[in-house]
Amino acid sequence: MGEKANRYAAVAGALVVVAAGIGQVAGGFNMLFGEASLPECQSADASSLVRQIIVDNFEVELDHLDEVTEVNFDEEGQKRGCTAVIDAADEGVYEIAYDLTWHDRDDKMLSAEVQVLGQRE
């Protein structure tokens, strides 16, 4: 992120930086009445998608995705809210929030929207 980190950090206070992506659920998902259930925040599928969104959109080297917590889950709407902390190597440590939803539940295509909330000191 380098120069971008400063720009994102400055923007994060007033505005939330958002990026989104879609990925195939690889496996390990729970079946609920014959349908795939939305992966949990800490799942390998969710983690992989969030990592890919961060690397692709913010051009950073991501060392760690830690402190993953589920904030809320709307079972009817199939939307899961999560928070985490990322360590972006030399760029610093950032708090993020992300929502998981189905892009296409039948094809097990997971969608995520990632928000950079701010940089930790």
PDB file of N, CA and C in Angstrom:
ATOM      1  N   MET A   1       0.834  -1.176   0.000  1.00  0.00           N
ATOM      2  CA  MET A   1       0.000   0.000   0.000  1.00  0.00           C
ATOM      3  C   MET A   1       0.876   1.236   0.000  1.00  0.00           C
ATOM      4  N   GLY A   2       1.973   1.286   0.741  1.00  0.00           N
ATOM      5  CA  GLY A   2       2.882   2.419   0.737  1.00  0.00           C
ATOM      6  C   GLY A   2       2.170   3.744   0.735  1.00  0.00           C
ATOM      7  N   GLU A   3       2.291   4.443  -0.370  1.00  0.00           N
ATOM      8  CA  GLU A   3       1.614   5.724  -0.538  1.00  0.00           C
ATOM      9  C   GLU A   3       0.102   5.555  -0.445  1.00  0.00           C
ATOM     10  N   LYS A   4      -0.388   4.432  -0.954  1.00  0.00           N
ATOM     11  CA  LYS A   4      -1.814   4.151  -0.886  1.00  0.00           C
ATOM     12  C   LYS A   4      -2.274   4.017   0.554  1.00  0.00           C
ATOM     13  N   ALA A   5      -1.424   3.457   1.410  1.00  0.00           N
ATOM     14  CA  ALA A   5      -1.794   3.269   2.823  1.00  0.00           C
ATOM     15  C   ALA A   5      -2.134   4.603   3.458  1.00  0.00           C
ATOM     16  N   ASN A   6      -1.330   5.603   3.198  1.00  0.00           N
ATOM     17  CA  ASN A   6      -1.591   6.923   3.751  1.00  0.00           C
ATOM     18  C   ASN A   6      -2.902   7.485   3.225  1.00  0.00           C
ATOM     19  N   ARG A   7      -3.138   7.303   1.938  1.00  0.00           N
ATOM     20  CA  ARG A   7      -4.368   7.791   1.336  1.00  0.00           C
ATOM     21  C   ARG A   7      -5.571   7.072   1.942  1.00  0.00           C
ATOM     22  N   TYR A   8      -5.488   5.725   2.070  1.00  0.00           N
ATOM     23  CA  TYR A   8      -6.586   4.959   2.637  1.00  0.00           C
ATOM     24  C   TYR A   8      -6.788   5.291   4.105  1.00  0.00           C
ATOM     25  N   ALA A   9      -5.706   5.444   4.843  1.00  0.00           N
ATOM     26  CA  ALA A   9      -5.817   5.767   6.266  1.00  0.00           C
ATOM     27  C   ALA A   9      -6.479   7.124   6.445  1.00  0.00           C
ATOM     28  N   ALA A  10      -6.116   8.088   5.601  1.00  0.00           N
ATOM     29  CA  ALA A  10      -6.704   9.423   5.688  1.00  0.00           C
ATOM     30  C   ALA A  10      -8.181   9.376   5.332  1.00  0.00           C
ATOM     31  N   VAL A  11      -8.511   8.575   4.345  1.00  0.00           N
ATOM     32  CA  VAL A  11      -9.892   8.476   3.898  1.00  0.00           C
ATOM     33  C   VAL A  11     -10.727   7.684   4.900  1.00  0.00           C
ATOM     34  N   ALA A  12     -10.137   6.706   5.547  1.00  0.00           N
ATOM     35  CA  ALA A  12     -10.891   5.800   6.415  1.00  0.00           C
ATOM     36  C   ALA A  12     -11.595   6.521   7.550  1.00  0.00           C
ATOM     37  N   GLY A  13     -11.032   7.616   8.018  1.00  0.00           N
ATOM     38  CA  GLY A  13     -11.665   8.350   9.106  1.00  0.00           C
ATOM     39  C   GLY A  13     -12.989   8.961   8.707  1.00  0.00           C
ATOM     40  N   ALA A  14     -13.100   9.452   7.502  1.00  0.00           N
ATOM     41  CA  ALA A  14     -14.309  10.127   7.062  1.00  0.00           C
ATOM     42  C   ALA A  14     -15.179   9.243   6.180  1.00  0.00           C
ATOM     43  N   LEU A  15     -14.554   8.369   5.473  1.00  0.00           N
ATOM     44  CA  LEU A  15     -15.248   7.536   4.511  1.00  0.00           C
ATOM     45  C   LEU A  15     -14.723   6.121   4.660  1.00  0.00           C
ATOM     46  N   VAL A  16     -15.504   5.160   4.330  1.00  0.00           N
ATOM     47  CA  VAL A  16     -15.059   3.781   4.426  1.00  0.00           C
ATOM     48  C   VAL A  16     -14.608   3.310   3.050  1.00  0.00           C
ATOM     49  N   VAL A  17     -13.417   2.707   2.996  1.00  0.00           N
ATOM     50  CA  VAL A  17     -12.904   2.156   1.753  1.00  0.00           C
ATOM     51  C   VAL A  17     -13.530   0.775   1.583  1.00  0.00           C
ATOM     52  N   VAL A  18     -14.165   0.549   0.439  1.00  0.00           N
ATOM     53  CA  VAL A  18     -14.904  -0.696   0.227  1.00  0.00           C
ATOM     54  C   VAL A  18     -14.405  -1.398  -1.033  1.00  0.00           C
ATOM     55  N   ALA A  19     -14.289  -2.702  -0.943  1.00  0.00           N
ATOM     56  CA  ALA A  19     -13.986  -3.529  -2.109  1.00  0.00           C
ATOM     57  C   ALA A  19     -14.823  -4.793  -1.995  1.00  0.00           C
ATOM     58  N   ALA A  20     -15.164  -5.374  -3.127  1.00  0.00           N
ATOM     59  CA  ALA A  20     -15.998  -6.573  -3.109  1.00  0.00           C
ATOM     60  C   ALA A  20     -15.447  -7.607  -4.069  1.00  0.00           C
ATOM     61  N   GLY A  21     -15.849  -8.850  -3.856  1.00  0.00           N
ATOM     62  CA  GLY A  21     -15.415  -9.926  -4.734  1.00  0.00           C
ATOM     63  C   GLY A  21     -16.335 -11.119  -4.612  1.00  0.00           C
ATOM     64  N   ILE A  22     -16.149 -12.055  -5.521  1.00  0.00           N
ATOM     65  CA  ILE A  22     -16.952 -13.264  -5.572  1.00  0.00           C
ATOM     66  C   ILE A  22     -16.004 -14.442  -5.706  1.00  0.00           C
ATOM     67  N   GLY A  23     -16.289 -15.521  -4.985  1.00  0.00           N
ATOM     68  CA  GLY A  23     -15.455 -16.710  -5.072  1.00  0.00           C
ATOM     69  C   GLY A  23     -16.271 -17.971  -4.917  1.00  0.00           C
ATOM     70  N   GLN A  24     -15.749 -19.058  -5.431  1.00  0.00           N
ATOM     71  CA  GLN A  24     -16.393 -20.365  -5.335  1.00  0.00           C
ATOM     72  C   GLN A  24     -16.108 -20.963  -3.967  1.00  0.00           C
ATOM     73  N   VAL A  25     -17.141 -21.482  -3.307  1.00  0.00           N
ATOM     74  CA  VAL A  25     -16.957 -22.170  -2.037  1.00  0.00           C
ATOM     75  C   VAL A  25     -16.326 -23.513  -2.359  1.00  0.00           C
ATOM     76  N   ALA A  26     -15.133 -23.741  -1.820  1.00  0.00           N
ATOM     77  CA  ALA A  26     -14.359 -24.926  -2.171  1.00  0.00           C
ATOM     78  C   ALA A  26     -14.875 -26.192  -1.513  1.00  0.00           C
ATOM     79  N   GLY A  27     -15.409 -26.067  -0.357  1.00  0.00           N
ATOM     80  CA  GLY A  27     -15.870 -27.265   0.338  1.00  0.00           C
ATOM     81  C   GLY A  27     -15.886 -27.009   1.820  1.00  0.00           C
ATOM     82  N   GLY A  28     -16.205 -28.040   2.576  1.00  0.00           N
ATOM     83  CA  GLY A  28     -16.253 -27.881   4.009  1.00  0.00           C
ATOM     84  C   GLY A  28     -17.455 -27.085   4.466  1.00  0.00           C
ATOM     85  N   PHE A  29     -18.396 -26.818   3.583  1.00  0.00           N
ATOM     86  CA  PHE A  29     -19.582 -26.056   3.947  1.00  0.00           C
ATOM     87  C   PHE A  29     -20.626 -27.004   4.515  1.00  0.00           C
ATOM     88  N   ASN A  30     -21.524 -26.479   5.306  1.00  0.00           N
ATOM     89  CA  ASN A  30     -22.593 -27.274   5.903  1.00  0.00           C
ATOM     90  C   ASN A  30     -23.795 -27.286   4.967  1.00  0.00           C
ATOM     91  N   MET A  31     -24.437 -28.410   4.901  1.00  0.00           N
ATOM     92  CA  MET A  31     -25.659 -28.505   4.103  1.00  0.00           C
ATOM     93  C   MET A  31     -26.848 -28.327   5.039  1.00  0.00           C
ATOM     94  N   LEU A  32     -27.761 -27.466   4.679  1.00  0.00           N
ATOM     95  CA  LEU A  32     -28.949 -27.203   5.473  1.00  0.00           C
ATOM     96  C   LEU A  32     -30.154 -27.487   4.593  1.00  0.00           C
ATOM     97  N   PHE A  33     -30.854 -28.554   4.879  1.00  0.00           N
ATOM     98  CA  PHE A  33     -32.018 -28.950   4.092  1.00  0.00           C
ATOM     99  C   PHE A  33     -31.672 -29.052   2.606  1.00  0.00           C
ATOM    100  N   GLY A  34     -30.518 -29.631   2.311  1.00  0.00           N
ATOM    101  CA  GLY A  34     -30.119 -29.842   0.930  1.00  0.00           C
ATOM    102  C   GLY A  34     -29.496 -28.632   0.265  1.00  0.00           C
ATOM    103  N   GLU A  35     -29.391 -27.509   0.981  1.00  0.00           N
ATOM    104  CA  GLU A  35     -28.775 -26.306   0.416  1.00  0.00           C
ATOM    105  C   GLU A  35     -27.491 -25.993   1.177  1.00  0.00           C
ATOM    106  N   ALA A  36     -26.573 -25.361   0.516  1.00  0.00           N
ATOM    107  CA  ALA A  36     -25.341 -24.947   1.168  1.00  0.00           C
ATOM    108  C   ALA A  36     -25.656 -23.838   2.165  1.00  0.00           C
ATOM    109  N   SER A  37     -25.090 -23.930   3.359  1.00  0.00           N
ATOM    110  CA  SER A  37     -25.269 -22.854   4.324  1.00  0.00           C
ATOM    111  C   SER A  37     -24.105 -21.883   4.186  1.00  0.00           C
ATOM    112  N   LEU A  38     -24.378 -20.635   4.456  1.00  0.00           N
ATOM    113  CA  LEU A  38     -23.380 -19.584   4.306  1.00  0.00           C
ATOM    114  C   LEU A  38     -22.161 -19.878   5.181  1.00  0.00           C
ATOM    115  N   PRO A  39     -20.951 -19.848   4.615  1.00  0.00           N
ATOM    116  CA  PRO A  39     -19.753 -20.114   5.414  1.00  0.00           C
ATOM    117  C   PRO A  39     -19.625 -19.136   6.586  1.00  0.00           C
ATOM    118  N   GLU A  40     -19.038 -19.618   7.663  1.00  0.00           N
ATOM    119  CA  GLU A  40     -18.808 -18.772   8.828  1.00  0.00           C
ATOM    120  C   GLU A  40     -17.635 -17.825   8.566  1.00  0.00           C
ATOM    121  N   CYS A  41     -17.566 -16.770   9.358  1.00  0.00           N
ATOM    122  CA  CYS A  41     -16.523 -15.755   9.201  1.00  0.00           C
ATOM    123  C   CYS A  41     -15.121 -16.363   9.230  1.00  0.00           C
ATOM    124  N   GLN A  42     -14.916 -17.346  10.097  1.00  0.00           N
ATOM    125  CA  GLN A  42     -13.600 -17.942  10.302  1.00  0.00           C
ATOM    126  C   GLN A  42     -13.300 -19.073   9.317  1.00  0.00           C
ATOM    127  N   SER A  43     -14.221 -19.380   8.416  1.00  0.00           N
ATOM    128  CA  SER A  43     -14.016 -20.505   7.498  1.00  0.00           C
ATOM    129  C   SER A  43     -12.879 -20.226   6.519  1.00  0.00           C
ATOM    130  N   ALA A  44     -12.319 -21.303   6.009  1.00  0.00           N
ATOM    131  CA  ALA A  44     -11.247 -21.189   5.014  1.00  0.00           C
ATOM    132  C   ALA A  44     -11.749 -20.485   3.751  1.00  0.00           C
ATOM    133  N   ASP A  45     -13.001 -20.771   3.349  1.00  0.00           N
ATOM    134  CA  ASP A  45     -13.554 -20.137   2.149  1.00  0.00           C
ATOM    135  C   ASP A  45     -13.684 -18.627   2.320  1.00  0.00           C
ATOM    136  N   ALA A  46     -14.220 -18.197   3.455  1.00  0.00           N
ATOM    137  CA  ALA A  46     -14.381 -16.760   3.715  1.00  0.00           C
ATOM    138  C   ALA A  46     -13.021 -16.084   3.808  1.00  0.00           C
ATOM    139  N   SER A  47     -12.112 -16.692   4.539  1.00  0.00           N
ATOM    140  CA  SER A  47     -10.770 -16.128   4.706  1.00  0.00           C
ATOM    141  C   SER A  47     -10.061 -15.984   3.365  1.00  0.00           C
ATOM    142  N   SER A  48     -10.158 -17.008   2.543  1.00  0.00           N
ATOM    143  CA  SER A  48      -9.514 -16.976   1.229  1.00  0.00           C
ATOM    144  C   SER A  48     -10.077 -15.856   0.359  1.00  0.00           C
ATOM    145  N   LEU A  49     -11.397 -15.703   0.357  1.00  0.00           N
ATOM    146  CA  LEU A  49     -12.024 -14.659  -0.449  1.00  0.00           C
ATOM    147  C   LEU A  49     -11.650 -13.268   0.056  1.00  0.00           C
ATOM    148  N   VAL A  50     -11.689 -13.067   1.364  1.00  0.00           N
ATOM    149  CA  VAL A  50     -11.340 -11.765   1.940  1.00  0.00           C
ATOM    150  C   VAL A  50      -9.874 -11.426   1.631  1.00  0.00           C
ATOM    151  N   ARG A  51      -8.996 -12.393   1.794  1.00  0.00           N
ATOM    152  CA  ARG A  51      -7.572 -12.176   1.464  1.00  0.00           C
ATOM    153  C   ARG A  51      -7.412 -11.765  -0.002  1.00  0.00           C
ATOM    154  N   GLN A  52      -8.108 -12.478  -0.900  1.00  0.00           N
ATOM    155  CA  GLN A  52      -7.995 -12.188  -2.331  1.00  0.00           C
ATOM    156  C   GLN A  52      -8.500 -10.785  -2.649  1.00  0.00           C
ATOM    157  N   ILE A  53      -9.606 -10.381  -2.039  1.00  0.00           N
ATOM    158  CA  ILE A  53     -10.147  -9.038  -2.260  1.00  0.00           C
ATOM    159  C   ILE A  53      -9.136  -7.984  -1.807  1.00  0.00           C
ATOM    160  N   ILE A  54      -8.540  -8.182  -0.656  1.00  0.00           N
ATOM    161  CA  ILE A  54      -7.577  -7.212  -0.122  1.00  0.00           C
ATOM    162  C   ILE A  54      -6.351  -7.119  -1.018  1.00  0.00           C
ATOM    163  N   VAL A  55      -5.787  -8.257  -1.391  1.00  0.00           N
ATOM    164  CA  VAL A  55      -4.590  -8.268  -2.239  1.00  0.00           C
ATOM    165  C   VAL A  55      -4.876  -7.650  -3.603  1.00  0.00           C
ATOM    166  N   ASP A  56      -6.009  -8.013  -4.213  1.00  0.00           N
ATOM    167  CA  ASP A  56      -6.338  -7.515  -5.553  1.00  0.00           C
ATOM    168  C   ASP A  56      -6.683  -6.030  -5.580  1.00  0.00           C
ATOM    169  N   ASN A  57      -7.391  -5.544  -4.559  1.00  0.00           N
ATOM    170  CA  ASN A  57      -7.887  -4.175  -4.594  1.00  0.00           C
ATOM    171  C   ASN A  57      -6.970  -3.154  -3.942  1.00  0.00           C
ATOM    172  N   PHE A  58      -6.169  -3.598  -2.991  1.00  0.00           N
ATOM    173  CA  PHE A  58      -5.322  -2.644  -2.275  1.00  0.00           C
ATOM    174  C   PHE A  58      -3.844  -2.867  -2.537  1.00  0.00           C
ATOM    175  N   GLU A  59      -3.532  -3.852  -3.368  1.00  0.00           N
ATOM    176  CA  GLU A  59      -2.166  -4.124  -3.788  1.00  0.00           C
ATOM    177  C   GLU A  59      -1.208  -4.160  -2.607  1.00  0.00           C
ATOM    178  N   VAL A  60      -1.537  -4.972  -1.617  1.00  0.00           N
ATOM    179  CA  VAL A  60      -0.687  -5.127  -0.448  1.00  0.00           C
ATOM    180  C   VAL A  60      -0.237  -6.570  -0.323  1.00  0.00           C
ATOM    181  N   GLU A  61       0.815  -6.760   0.428  1.00  0.00           N
ATOM    182  CA  GLU A  61       1.266  -8.089   0.804  1.00  0.00           C
ATOM    183  C   GLU A  61       0.639  -8.371   2.164  1.00  0.00           C
ATOM    184  N   LEU A  62      -0.267  -9.306   2.210  1.00  0.00           N
ATOM    185  CA  LEU A  62      -1.010  -9.583   3.431  1.00  0.00           C
ATOM    186  C   LEU A  62      -0.324 -10.682   4.223  1.00  0.00           C
ATOM    187  N   ASP A  63       0.151 -10.338   5.432  1.00  0.00           N
ATOM    188  CA  ASP A  63       0.825 -11.311   6.286  1.00  0.00           C
ATOM    189  C   ASP A  63      -0.167 -12.121   7.111  1.00  0.00           C
ATOM    190  N   HIS A  64      -1.146 -11.446   7.711  1.00  0.00           N
ATOM    191  CA  HIS A  64      -2.068 -12.131   8.610  1.00  0.00           C
ATOM    192  C   HIS A  64      -3.478 -11.574   8.505  1.00  0.00           C
ATOM    193  N   LEU A  65      -4.439 -12.452   8.708  1.00  0.00           N
ATOM    194  CA  LEU A  65      -5.840 -12.098   8.892  1.00  0.00           C
ATOM    195  C   LEU A  65      -6.204 -12.715  10.237  1.00  0.00           C
ATOM    196  N   ASP A  66      -6.349 -11.877  11.264  1.00  0.00           N
ATOM    197  CA  ASP A  66      -6.513 -12.349  12.639  1.00  0.00           C
ATOM    198  C   ASP A  66      -7.743 -11.731  13.301  1.00  0.00           C
ATOM    199  N   GLU A  67      -7.998 -12.182  14.511  1.00  0.00           N
ATOM    200  CA  GLU A  67      -9.075 -11.642  15.354  1.00  0.00           C
ATOM    201  C   GLU A  67     -10.411 -11.613  14.612  1.00  0.00           C
ATOM    202  N   VAL A  68     -10.672 -12.668  13.858  1.00  0.00           N
ATOM    203  CA  VAL A  68     -11.915 -12.764  13.085  1.00  0.00           C
ATOM    204  C   VAL A  68     -13.081 -13.025  14.041  1.00  0.00           C
ATOM    205  N   THR A  69     -14.105 -12.193  13.932  1.00  0.00           N
ATOM    206  CA  THR A  69     -15.264 -12.285  14.816  1.00  0.00           C
ATOM    207  C   THR A  69     -16.544 -12.115  14.009  1.00  0.00           C
ATOM    208  N   GLU A  70     -17.535 -12.933  14.335  1.00  0.00           N
ATOM    209  CA  GLU A  70     -18.854 -12.742  13.724  1.00  0.00           C
ATOM    210  C   GLU A  70     -19.591 -11.693  14.531  1.00  0.00           C
ATOM    211  N   VAL A  71     -20.090 -10.675  13.853  1.00  0.00           N
ATOM    212  CA  VAL A  71     -20.818  -9.584  14.495  1.00  0.00           C
ATOM    213  C   VAL A  71     -22.318  -9.844  14.459  1.00  0.00           C
ATOM    214  N   ASN A  72     -22.793 -10.358  13.325  1.00  0.00           N
ATOM    215  CA  ASN A  72     -24.217 -10.656  13.204  1.00  0.00           C
ATOM    216  C   ASN A  72     -24.447 -11.670  12.094  1.00  0.00           C
ATOM    217  N   PHE A  73     -25.625 -12.291  12.128  1.00  0.00           N
ATOM    218  CA  PHE A  73     -26.008 -13.235  11.092  1.00  0.00           C
ATOM    219  C   PHE A  73     -27.506 -13.138  10.857  1.00  0.00           C
ATOM    220  N   ASP A  74     -27.875 -12.819   9.628  1.00  0.00           N
ATOM    221  CA  ASP A  74     -29.272 -12.773   9.212  1.00  0.00           C
ATOM    222  C   ASP A  74     -29.556 -14.081   8.475  1.00  0.00           C
ATOM    223  N   GLU A  75     -30.120 -15.041   9.197  1.00  0.00           N
ATOM    224  CA  GLU A  75     -30.343 -16.366   8.612  1.00  0.00           C
ATOM    225  C   GLU A  75     -31.305 -16.296   7.435  1.00  0.00           C
ATOM    226  N   GLU A  76     -32.371 -15.531   7.581  1.00  0.00           N
ATOM    227  CA  GLU A  76     -33.359 -15.427   6.509  1.00  0.00           C
ATOM    228  C   GLU A  76     -32.762 -14.781   5.265  1.00  0.00           C
ATOM    229  N   GLY A  77     -32.023 -13.704   5.448  1.00  0.00           N
ATOM    230  CA  GLY A  77     -31.415 -12.996   4.336  1.00  0.00           C
ATOM    231  C   GLY A  77     -30.078 -13.571   3.898  1.00  0.00           C
ATOM    232  N   GLN A  78     -29.585 -14.570   4.641  1.00  0.00           N
ATOM    233  CA  GLN A  78     -28.288 -15.192   4.355  1.00  0.00           C
ATOM    234  C   GLN A  78     -27.184 -14.141   4.191  1.00  0.00           C
ATOM    235  N   LYS A  79     -26.994 -13.365   5.265  1.00  0.00           N
ATOM    236  CA  LYS A  79     -25.942 -12.353   5.289  1.00  0.00           C
ATOM    237  C   LYS A  79     -25.239 -12.432   6.639  1.00  0.00           C
ATOM    238  N   ARG A  80     -23.915 -12.533   6.594  1.00  0.00           N
ATOM    239  CA  ARG A  80     -23.121 -12.659   7.806  1.00  0.00           C
ATOM    240  C   ARG A  80     -22.173 -11.457   7.893  1.00  0.00           C
ATOM    241  N   GLY A  81     -22.187 -10.761   9.041  1.00  0.00           N
ATOM    242  CA  GLY A  81     -21.309  -9.619   9.265  1.00  0.00           C
ATOM    243  C   GLY A  81     -20.123 -10.033  10.124  1.00  0.00           C
ATOM    244  N   CYS A  82     -18.936  -9.625   9.717  1.00  0.00           N
ATOM    245  CA  CYS A  82     -17.708 -10.053  10.385  1.00  0.00           C
ATOM    246  C   CYS A  82     -16.744  -8.873  10.556  1.00  0.00           C
ATOM    247  N   THR A  83     -15.860  -9.006  11.525  1.00  0.00           N
ATOM    248  CA  THR A  83     -14.759  -8.059  11.672  1.00  0.00           C
ATOM    249  C   THR A  83     -13.466  -8.856  11.780  1.00  0.00           C
ATOM    250  N   ALA A  84     -12.358  -8.198  11.481  1.00  0.00           N
ATOM    251  CA  ALA A  84     -11.050  -8.846  11.566  1.00  0.00           C
ATOM    252  C   ALA A  84      -9.968  -7.774  11.604  1.00  0.00           C
ATOM    253  N   VAL A  85      -8.769  -8.227  11.823  1.00  0.00           N
ATOM    254  CA  VAL A  85      -7.590  -7.372  11.795  1.00  0.00           C
ATOM    255  C   VAL A  85      -6.641  -7.956  10.760  1.00  0.00           C
ATOM    256  N   ILE A  86      -6.131  -7.099   9.888  1.00  0.00           N
ATOM    257  CA  ILE A  86      -5.162  -7.559   8.894  1.00  0.00           C
ATOM    258  C   ILE A  86      -3.818  -6.912   9.159  1.00  0.00           C
ATOM    259  N   ASP A  87      -2.784  -7.684   8.912  1.00  0.00           N
ATOM    260  CA  ASP A  87      -1.415  -7.184   8.996  1.00  0.00           C
ATOM    261  C   ASP A  87      -0.909  -7.118   7.562  1.00  0.00           C
ATOM    262  N   ALA A  88      -0.771  -5.905   7.063  1.00  0.00           N
ATOM    263  CA  ALA A  88      -0.373  -5.699   5.673  1.00  0.00           C
ATOM    264  C   ALA A  88       1.122  -5.419   5.574  1.00  0.00           C
ATOM    265  N   ALA A  89       1.922  -6.305   6.143  1.00  0.00           N
ATOM    266  CA  ALA A  89       3.383  -6.240   6.086  1.00  0.00           C
ATOM    267  C   ALA A  89       3.892  -4.858   6.507  1.00  0.00           C
ATOM    268  N   ASP A  90       4.625  -4.209   5.638  1.00  0.00           N
ATOM    269  CA  ASP A  90       5.227  -2.908   5.958  1.00  0.00           C
ATOM    270  C   ASP A  90       4.207  -1.777   6.027  1.00  0.00           C
ATOM    271  N   GLU A  91       2.983  -2.038   5.566  1.00  0.00           N
ATOM    272  CA  GLU A  91       1.970  -0.989   5.510  1.00  0.00           C
ATOM    273  C   GLU A  91       1.249  -0.777   6.823  1.00  0.00           C
ATOM    274  N   GLY A  92       1.308  -1.744   7.714  1.00  0.00           N
ATOM    275  CA  GLY A  92       0.686  -1.585   9.016  1.00  0.00           C
ATOM    276  C   GLY A  92      -0.452  -2.555   9.259  1.00  0.00           C
ATOM    277  N   VAL A  93      -1.101  -2.348  10.387  1.00  0.00           N
ATOM    278  CA  VAL A  93      -2.190  -3.203  10.827  1.00  0.00           C
ATOM    279  C   VAL A  93      -3.493  -2.415  10.718  1.00  0.00           C
ATOM    280  N   TYR A  94      -4.498  -3.040  10.092  1.00  0.00           N
ATOM    281  CA  TYR A  94      -5.769  -2.377   9.831  1.00  0.00           C
ATOM    282  C   TYR A  94      -6.934  -3.196  10.379  1.00  0.00           C
ATOM    283  N   GLU A  95      -7.947  -2.505  10.841  1.00  0.00           N
ATOM    284  CA  GLU A  95      -9.194  -3.150  11.227  1.00  0.00           C
ATOM    285  C   GLU A  95     -10.114  -3.118  10.017  1.00  0.00           C
ATOM    286  N   ILE A  96     -10.763  -4.254   9.765  1.00  0.00           N
ATOM    287  CA  ILE A  96     -11.684  -4.343   8.633  1.00  0.00           C
ATOM    288  C   ILE A  96     -13.021  -4.919   9.106  1.00  0.00           C
ATOM    289  N   ALA A  97     -14.042  -4.684   8.312  1.00  0.00           N
ATOM    290  CA  ALA A  97     -15.342  -5.322   8.482  1.00  0.00           C
ATOM    291  C   ALA A  97     -15.698  -5.906   7.129  1.00  0.00           C
ATOM    292  N   TYR A  98     -16.381  -7.029   7.152  1.00  0.00           N
ATOM    293  CA  TYR A  98     -16.820  -7.605   5.880  1.00  0.00           C
ATOM    294  C   TYR A  98     -18.131  -8.345   6.045  1.00  0.00           C
ATOM    295  N   ASP A  99     -18.903  -8.319   4.961  1.00  0.00           N
ATOM    296  CA  ASP A  99     -20.174  -9.015   4.897  1.00  0.00           C
ATOM    297  C   ASP A  99     -20.041 -10.169   3.915  1.00  0.00           C
ATOM    298  N   LEU A 100     -20.578 -11.310   4.298  1.00  0.00           N
ATOM    299  CA  LEU A 100     -20.611 -12.480   3.432  1.00  0.00           C
ATOM    300  C   LEU A 100     -22.059 -12.721   3.007  1.00  0.00           C
ATOM    301  N   THR A 101     -22.279 -12.910   1.730  1.00  0.00           N
ATOM    302  CA  THR A 101     -23.597 -13.240   1.197  1.00  0.00           C
ATOM    303  C   THR A 101     -23.403 -14.227   0.051  1.00  0.00           C
ATOM    304  N   TRP A 102     -24.494 -14.807  -0.373  1.00  0.00           N
ATOM    305  CA  TRP A 102     -24.424 -15.672  -1.547  1.00  0.00           C
ATOM    306  C   TRP A 102     -24.543 -14.835  -2.805  1.00  0.00           C
ATOM    307  N   HIS A 103     -23.643 -15.035  -3.733  1.00  0.00           N
ATOM    308  CA  HIS A 103     -23.792 -14.472  -5.074  1.00  0.00           C
ATOM    309  C   HIS A 103     -24.704 -15.407  -5.866  1.00  0.00           C
ATOM    310  N   ASP A 104     -24.464 -16.714  -5.706  1.00  0.00           N
ATOM    311  CA  ASP A 104     -25.305 -17.743  -6.316  1.00  0.00           C
ATOM    312  C   ASP A 104     -25.227 -18.975  -5.424  1.00  0.00           C
ATOM    313  N   ARG A 105     -26.232 -19.138  -4.597  1.00  0.00           N
ATOM    314  CA  ARG A 105     -26.231 -20.220  -3.605  1.00  0.00           C
ATOM    315  C   ARG A 105     -26.202 -21.598  -4.263  1.00  0.00           C
ATOM    316  N   ASP A 106     -26.932 -21.770  -5.357  1.00  0.00           N
ATOM    317  CA  ASP A 106     -26.983 -23.072  -6.034  1.00  0.00           C
ATOM    318  C   ASP A 106     -25.610 -23.499  -6.542  1.00  0.00           C
ATOM    319  N   ASP A 107     -24.833 -22.538  -7.024  1.00  0.00           N
ATOM    320  CA  ASP A 107     -23.486 -22.831  -7.533  1.00  0.00           C
ATOM    321  C   ASP A 107     -22.413 -22.621  -6.472  1.00  0.00           C
ATOM    322  N   LYS A 108     -22.860 -22.347  -5.239  1.00  0.00           N
ATOM    323  CA  LYS A 108     -21.958 -22.124  -4.101  1.00  0.00           C
ATOM    324  C   LYS A 108     -20.953 -21.007  -4.379  1.00  0.00           C
ATOM    325  N   MET A 109     -21.452 -19.907  -4.957  1.00  0.00           N
ATOM    326  CA  MET A 109     -20.620 -18.732  -5.229  1.00  0.00           C
ATOM    327  C   MET A 109     -20.820 -17.725  -4.104  1.00  0.00           C
ATOM    328  N   LEU A 110     -19.779 -17.506  -3.337  1.00  0.00           N
ATOM    329  CA  LEU A 110     -19.800 -16.622  -2.181  1.00  0.00           C
ATOM    330  C   LEU A 110     -19.397 -15.212  -2.594  1.00  0.00           C
ATOM    331  N   SER A 111     -20.048 -14.227  -2.007  1.00  0.00           N
ATOM    332  CA  SER A 111     -19.733 -12.826  -2.263  1.00  0.00           C
ATOM    333  C   SER A 111     -19.320 -12.172  -0.950  1.00  0.00           C
ATOM    334  N   ALA A 112     -18.360 -11.270  -1.024  1.00  0.00           N
ATOM    335  CA  ALA A 112     -17.920 -10.547   0.170  1.00  0.00           C
ATOM    336  C   ALA A 112     -17.692  -9.081  -0.175  1.00  0.00           C
ATOM    337  N   GLU A 113     -18.030  -8.238   0.777  1.00  0.00           N
ATOM    338  CA  GLU A 113     -17.757  -6.803   0.665  1.00  0.00           C
ATOM    339  C   GLU A 113     -16.895  -6.442   1.861  1.00  0.00           C
ATOM    340  N   VAL A 114     -15.713  -5.904   1.594  1.00  0.00           N
ATOM    341  CA  VAL A 114     -14.734  -5.601   2.639  1.00  0.00           C
ATOM    342  C   VAL A 114     -14.623  -4.094   2.821  1.00  0.00           C
ATOM    343  N   GLN A 115     -14.664  -3.664   4.079  1.00  0.00           N
ATOM    344  CA  GLN A 115     -14.516  -2.252   4.417  1.00  0.00           C
ATOM    345  C   GLN A 115     -13.281  -2.092   5.302  1.00  0.00           C
ATOM    346  N   VAL A 116     -12.410  -1.171   4.934  1.00  0.00           N
ATOM    347  CA  VAL A 116     -11.268  -0.843   5.769  1.00  0.00           C
ATOM    348  C   VAL A 116     -11.742   0.223   6.738  1.00  0.00           C
ATOM    349  N   LEU A 117     -11.759  -0.133   8.035  1.00  0.00           N
ATOM    350  CA  LEU A 117     -12.282   0.777   9.040  1.00  0.00           C
ATOM    351  C   LEU A 117     -11.245   1.770   9.533  1.00  0.00           C
ATOM    352  N   GLY A 118      -9.998   1.377   9.545  1.00  0.00           N
ATOM    353  CA  GLY A 118      -8.942   2.285   9.994  1.00  0.00           C
ATOM    354  C   GLY A 118      -7.688   1.541  10.358  1.00  0.00           C
ATOM    355  N   GLN A 119      -6.646   2.287  10.562  1.00  0.00           N
ATOM    356  CA  GLN A 119      -5.347   1.703  10.896  1.00  0.00           C
ATOM    357  C   GLN A 119      -5.145   1.699  12.404  1.00  0.00           C
ATOM    358  N   ARG A 120      -4.607   0.604  12.909  1.00  0.00           N
ATOM    359  CA  ARG A 120      -4.284   0.520  14.331  1.00  0.00           C
ATOM    360  C   ARG A 120      -2.948   1.205  14.563  1.00  0.00           C
ATOM    361  N   GLU A 121      -2.827   1.789  15.718  1.00  0.00           N
ATOM    362  CA  GLU A 121      -1.576   2.485  16.056  1.00  0.00           C
ATOM    363  C   GLU A 121      -0.631   1.570  16.761  1.00  0.00           C
TER     364      GLU A 121
END
